[in-house]
Protein backbone atom coordinates (compact mmCIF):
# COMPACT_ATOMS: atom_id res chain seq x y z
CA MET A 1 -1.33 -4.11 4.52
CA SER A 2 1.00 -6.99 5.29
CA LEU A 3 4.38 -7.82 3.83
CA TYR A 4 5.98 -11.26 3.71
CA GLN A 5 9.50 -11.68 2.44
CA GLU A 6 11.42 -14.92 2.07
CA MET A 7 15.09 -14.99 1.17
CA LEU A 8 16.09 -17.87 -1.07
CA ASP A 9 18.63 -17.84 -3.89
CA GLY A 10 16.69 -14.75 -4.92
CA PHE A 11 13.71 -13.42 -3.05
CA VAL A 12 9.96 -13.74 -2.86
CA CYS A 13 7.98 -10.78 -1.65
CA LEU A 14 4.26 -11.01 -0.93
CA ILE A 15 2.23 -7.88 -0.29
CA LEU A 16 -1.30 -8.39 1.00
CA ASN A 17 -3.98 -5.72 1.26
CA VAL A 18 -7.49 -6.94 2.16
CA ASP A 19 -8.23 -9.27 -0.80
CA ASP A 20 -5.43 -8.18 -3.13
CA ILE A 21 -2.13 -10.06 -3.19
CA LEU A 22 0.97 -9.00 -5.06
CA ILE A 23 3.73 -11.61 -5.28
CA ALA A 24 7.08 -10.64 -6.75
CA GLY A 25 10.36 -12.46 -7.02
CA LYS A 26 13.43 -13.11 -9.09
CA PHE A 27 12.67 -16.70 -10.08
CA LYS A 28 9.37 -18.04 -11.47
CA GLU A 29 9.95 -21.37 -9.67
CA HIS A 30 9.90 -19.61 -6.29
CA LEU A 31 6.73 -17.72 -7.18
CA SER A 32 5.04 -20.93 -8.34
CA SER A 33 6.07 -22.76 -5.18
CA LEU A 34 4.65 -20.05 -2.90
CA THR A 35 1.46 -19.81 -4.96
CA LYS A 36 0.95 -23.60 -4.79
CA LYS A 37 1.45 -23.62 -1.00
CA MET A 38 -1.02 -20.77 -0.55
CA SER A 39 -3.65 -22.32 -2.84
CA LEU A 40 -3.78 -25.37 -0.54
CA THR A 41 -5.26 -23.10 2.13
CA PHE A 42 -6.83 -20.20 0.25
CA GLU A 43 -9.04 -19.87 -2.80
CA MET A 44 -6.93 -17.91 -5.28
CA LYS A 45 -7.17 -16.64 -8.84
CA ASN A 46 -4.13 -15.55 -10.87
CA LEU A 47 -5.01 -12.34 -12.71
CA GLY A 48 -1.64 -12.10 -14.49
CA ASP A 49 0.79 -9.22 -14.29
CA GLU A 50 -0.31 -6.51 -11.89
CA ARG A 51 -1.03 -3.17 -13.52
CA TYR A 52 -2.38 -1.23 -10.53
CA ILE A 53 -2.23 -1.77 -6.78
CA LEU A 54 -3.23 0.71 -4.08
CA GLY A 55 -3.51 3.48 -6.65
CA MET A 56 0.00 2.91 -7.99
CA ARG A 57 0.58 2.04 -11.63
CA ILE A 58 3.05 -0.78 -12.19
CA ILE A 59 4.94 -0.94 -15.48
CA HIS A 60 6.90 -4.09 -16.40
CA ASP A 61 9.89 -3.55 -18.69
CA ARG A 62 11.08 -7.09 -19.27
CA SER A 63 13.66 -6.02 -21.87
CA LYS A 64 15.50 -4.06 -19.16
CA GLY A 65 14.57 -6.47 -16.39
CA CYS A 66 12.91 -3.83 -14.26
CA ILE A 67 9.59 -2.80 -12.78
CA LEU A 68 8.60 0.86 -12.58
CA VAL A 69 6.08 2.15 -10.05
CA SER A 70 4.23 5.36 -10.83
CA VAL A 71 2.69 7.39 -8.02
CA ARG A 72 1.36 10.12 -10.30
CA VAL A 73 -2.15 9.69 -8.88
CA HIS A 74 -0.81 10.28 -5.37
CA ILE A 75 0.86 13.50 -6.50
CA ILE A 76 -2.39 14.70 -8.06
CA VAL A 77 -4.33 13.95 -4.85
CA LEU A 78 -1.76 15.88 -2.80
CA HIS A 79 -2.33 18.88 -5.09
CA TRP A 80 -6.13 18.57 -4.76
CA PHE A 81 -5.79 18.94 -0.99
CA ASN A 82 -3.04 21.58 -1.17
CA MET A 83 -0.56 19.22 0.46
CA GLN A 84 2.31 19.32 -2.05
CA THR A 85 4.70 20.79 0.54
CA ILE A 86 4.07 18.28 3.36
CA LYS A 87 7.06 16.57 4.93
CA GLU A 88 7.59 12.82 4.62
CA LEU A 89 7.18 10.64 7.71
CA SER A 90 7.54 6.90 8.05
CA THR A 91 4.50 6.96 10.35
CA PRO A 92 2.66 9.91 11.85
CA LEU A 93 2.70 8.35 15.34
CA PRO A 94 5.08 5.99 17.09
CA ALA A 95 4.09 2.34 16.53
CA TYR A 96 3.32 1.78 20.23
CA VAL A 97 0.56 4.45 20.31
CA ARG A 98 -2.96 2.99 20.53
CA LEU A 99 -5.81 5.37 19.76
CA SER A 100 -9.21 5.08 21.42
CA THR A 101 -12.47 7.02 21.64
CA ASN A 102 -10.88 8.96 24.52
CA ASP A 103 -8.65 10.60 21.88
CA THR A 104 -11.57 12.11 19.94
CA PRO A 105 -12.18 15.86 20.18
CA LYS A 106 -14.39 16.83 23.10
CA PHE A 107 -14.72 20.57 22.65
CA ASP A 108 -16.11 22.61 19.77
CA TYR A 109 -12.78 24.35 19.11
CA GLU A 110 -11.08 20.93 18.77
CA LYS A 111 -13.77 19.71 16.36
CA GLU A 112 -13.51 22.95 14.34
CA SER A 113 -9.74 22.54 14.11
CA MET A 114 -10.15 19.01 12.69
CA THR A 115 -12.52 20.16 9.93
CA LYS A 116 -9.71 22.21 8.39
CA PHE A 117 -7.91 19.05 7.29
CA PRO A 118 -9.96 16.36 5.50
CA TYR A 119 -8.01 13.26 6.64
CA GLN A 120 -10.75 10.81 5.64
CA SER A 121 -11.09 12.33 2.16
CA VAL A 122 -7.33 12.28 1.54
CA VAL A 123 -6.91 8.66 2.65
CA GLY A 124 -9.98 7.57 0.68
CA SER A 125 -8.69 9.30 -2.47
CA LEU A 126 -5.34 7.52 -2.19
CA MET A 127 -6.84 4.02 -1.90
């Protein structure tokens, strides 16, 4: 996922994940300007107000001028995998760490230990 943020009189925030783009901002003119610039290079289709992105439900309350983001699905997934008491981390590893095939388990006891936590299933359920 990538994040682009431009500070103008307000702000324009663009969140990109594979082929999904979410553009948010304070002023429609700024959003239109960014969208026009991007459409010169990329084929784009405006699908209107976002309702879901990355498993999060987005609720627009224009009368109050706010956007609510619901992560209820994420909470349910954490319960499925008995992870409701895990501690929050900004990232599980420092950003400079680069993993390679040398980091994969070599011994049976290491492989057995990894089967106790279904990382792939958890991440897949959250996406």
